[in-house]
Amino acid sequence: MVRAIEAVVDEQGNVRLLESVKLLGTRRAFVMILDDPADAGVHESSLLSEPALAQDWNRPEEDAAWSHLQRER
């Protein structure tokens, strides 16, 4: 099974996984170094999911359901 796990790599090249992993034995892994720092504020996964969520959110039914929270003009 292939599984993606977020990690942080420090200046010395030490890799720290951001979640625990239990394996039955030694496994190979790929490490992809991203340009932006880990604490940039916006997680890439939230940006990737935005178009899919927008299809559901940007509907007249959603506007009507949440209209009571909008300010009157």
C-alpha atoms as a PDB file:
ATOM      1  CA  MET A   1       0.000   0.000   0.000  1.00  0.00           C
ATOM      2  CA  VAL A   2       1.252   3.499  -0.845  1.00  0.00           C
ATOM      3  CA  ARG A   3       0.612   6.133   1.809  1.00  0.00           C
ATOM      4  CA  ALA A   4       1.512   9.838   1.937  1.00  0.00           C
ATOM      5  CA  ILE A   5       2.571  11.299   5.282  1.00  0.00           C
ATOM      6  CA  GLU A   6       3.458  14.934   5.906  1.00  0.00           C
ATOM      7  CA  ALA A   7       6.885  15.543   7.423  1.00  0.00           C
ATOM      8  CA  VAL A   8       9.306  18.355   8.218  1.00  0.00           C
ATOM      9  CA  VAL A   9      12.974  18.263   7.200  1.00  0.00           C
ATOM     10  CA  ASP A  10      15.325  20.462   9.248  1.00  0.00           C
ATOM     11  CA  GLU A  11      18.512  22.202   8.104  1.00  0.00           C
ATOM     12  CA  GLN A  12      20.618  19.119   8.916  1.00  0.00           C
ATOM     13  CA  GLY A  13      18.385  16.860   6.802  1.00  0.00           C
ATOM     14  CA  ASN A  14      16.650  15.170   9.736  1.00  0.00           C
ATOM     15  CA  VAL A  15      13.139  14.041   8.811  1.00  0.00           C
ATOM     16  CA  ARG A  16      10.357  14.316  11.426  1.00  0.00           C
ATOM     17  CA  LEU A  17       7.017  12.725  10.542  1.00  0.00           C
ATOM     18  CA  LEU A  18       3.960  14.734  11.610  1.00  0.00           C
ATOM     19  CA  GLU A  19       1.984  11.603  12.491  1.00  0.00           C
ATOM     20  CA  SER A  20       2.908   8.247  13.935  1.00  0.00           C
ATOM     21  CA  VAL A  21       3.480   5.301  11.608  1.00  0.00           C
ATOM     22  CA  LYS A  22       3.346   1.602  12.451  1.00  0.00           C
ATOM     23  CA  LEU A  23       5.054  -0.739   9.981  1.00  0.00           C
ATOM     24  CA  LEU A  24       5.555  -4.486  10.030  1.00  0.00           C
ATOM     25  CA  GLY A  25       9.110  -4.145   8.739  1.00  0.00           C
ATOM     26  CA  THR A  26      11.545  -1.907   6.918  1.00  0.00           C
ATOM     27  CA  ARG A  27      10.025   0.060   4.035  1.00  0.00           C
ATOM     28  CA  ARG A  28      11.374   2.356   1.348  1.00  0.00           C
ATOM     29  CA  ALA A  29      10.159   5.969   1.247  1.00  0.00           C
ATOM     30  CA  PHE A  30      10.263   8.948  -1.088  1.00  0.00           C
ATOM     31  CA  VAL A  31      10.929  12.414   0.323  1.00  0.00           C
ATOM     32  CA  MET A  32       9.770  15.448  -1.655  1.00  0.00           C
ATOM     33  CA  ILE A  33      11.217  18.778  -0.514  1.00  0.00           C
ATOM     34  CA  LEU A  34       8.757  21.666  -0.980  1.00  0.00           C
ATOM     35  CA  ASP A  35       9.916  25.249  -1.535  1.00  0.00           C
ATOM     36  CA  ASP A  36       7.646  26.913   0.990  1.00  0.00           C
ATOM     37  CA  PRO A  37       8.193  26.485   4.744  1.00  0.00           C
ATOM     38  CA  ALA A  38       5.995  24.104   6.736  1.00  0.00           C
ATOM     39  CA  ASP A  39       4.584  26.953   8.808  1.00  0.00           C
ATOM     40  CA  ALA A  40       3.433  29.053   5.832  1.00  0.00           C
ATOM     41  CA  GLY A  41      -0.104  29.132   7.239  1.00  0.00           C
ATOM     42  CA  VAL A  42      -2.158  27.598   4.422  1.00  0.00           C
ATOM     43  CA  HIS A  43      -1.985  23.855   4.007  1.00  0.00           C
ATOM     44  CA  GLU A  44      -1.647  22.643   0.444  1.00  0.00           C
ATOM     45  CA  SER A  45      -4.459  20.129   0.933  1.00  0.00           C
ATOM     46  CA  SER A  46      -6.929  22.930   1.672  1.00  0.00           C
ATOM     47  CA  LEU A  47      -5.955  24.668  -1.565  1.00  0.00           C
ATOM     48  CA  LEU A  48      -6.284  21.440  -3.537  1.00  0.00           C
ATOM     49  CA  SER A  49      -9.778  20.728  -2.149  1.00  0.00           C
ATOM     50  CA  GLU A  50     -11.132  24.236  -2.769  1.00  0.00           C
ATOM     51  CA  PRO A  51     -12.395  23.648  -6.353  1.00  0.00           C
ATOM     52  CA  ALA A  52     -14.270  20.496  -5.341  1.00  0.00           C
ATOM     53  CA  LEU A  53     -15.836  22.191  -2.326  1.00  0.00           C
ATOM     54  CA  ALA A  54     -16.734  25.276  -4.377  1.00  0.00           C
ATOM     55  CA  GLN A  55     -18.989  23.151  -6.582  1.00  0.00           C
ATOM     56  CA  ASP A  56     -21.096  22.365  -3.529  1.00  0.00           C
ATOM     57  CA  TRP A  57     -20.835  25.726  -1.788  1.00  0.00           C
ATOM     58  CA  ASN A  58     -21.559  27.958  -4.797  1.00  0.00           C
ATOM     59  CA  ARG A  59     -25.177  26.934  -5.264  1.00  0.00           C
ATOM     60  CA  PRO A  60     -28.377  28.961  -4.740  1.00  0.00           C
ATOM     61  CA  GLU A  61     -29.547  26.413  -2.140  1.00  0.00           C
ATOM     62  CA  GLU A  62     -26.447  27.094  -0.034  1.00  0.00           C
ATOM     63  CA  ASP A  63     -26.906  30.857  -0.319  1.00  0.00           C
ATOM     64  CA  ALA A  64     -30.494  30.523   0.881  1.00  0.00           C
ATOM     65  CA  ALA A  65     -29.526  28.241   3.777  1.00  0.00           C
ATOM     66  CA  TRP A  66     -26.940  30.715   5.105  1.00  0.00           C
ATOM     67  CA  SER A  67     -28.696  33.980   4.186  1.00  0.00           C
ATOM     68  CA  HIS A  68     -29.701  34.618   7.829  1.00  0.00           C
ATOM     69  CA  LEU A  69     -26.008  35.181   8.631  1.00  0.00           C
ATOM     70  CA  GLN A  70     -25.505  37.905   6.025  1.00  0.00           C
ATOM     71  CA  ARG A  71     -25.715  41.583   6.965  1.00  0.00           C
ATOM     72  CA  GLU A  72     -28.642  43.593   5.704  1.00  0.00           C
ATOM     73  CA  ARG A  73     -27.733  46.303   3.230  1.00  0.00           C
END
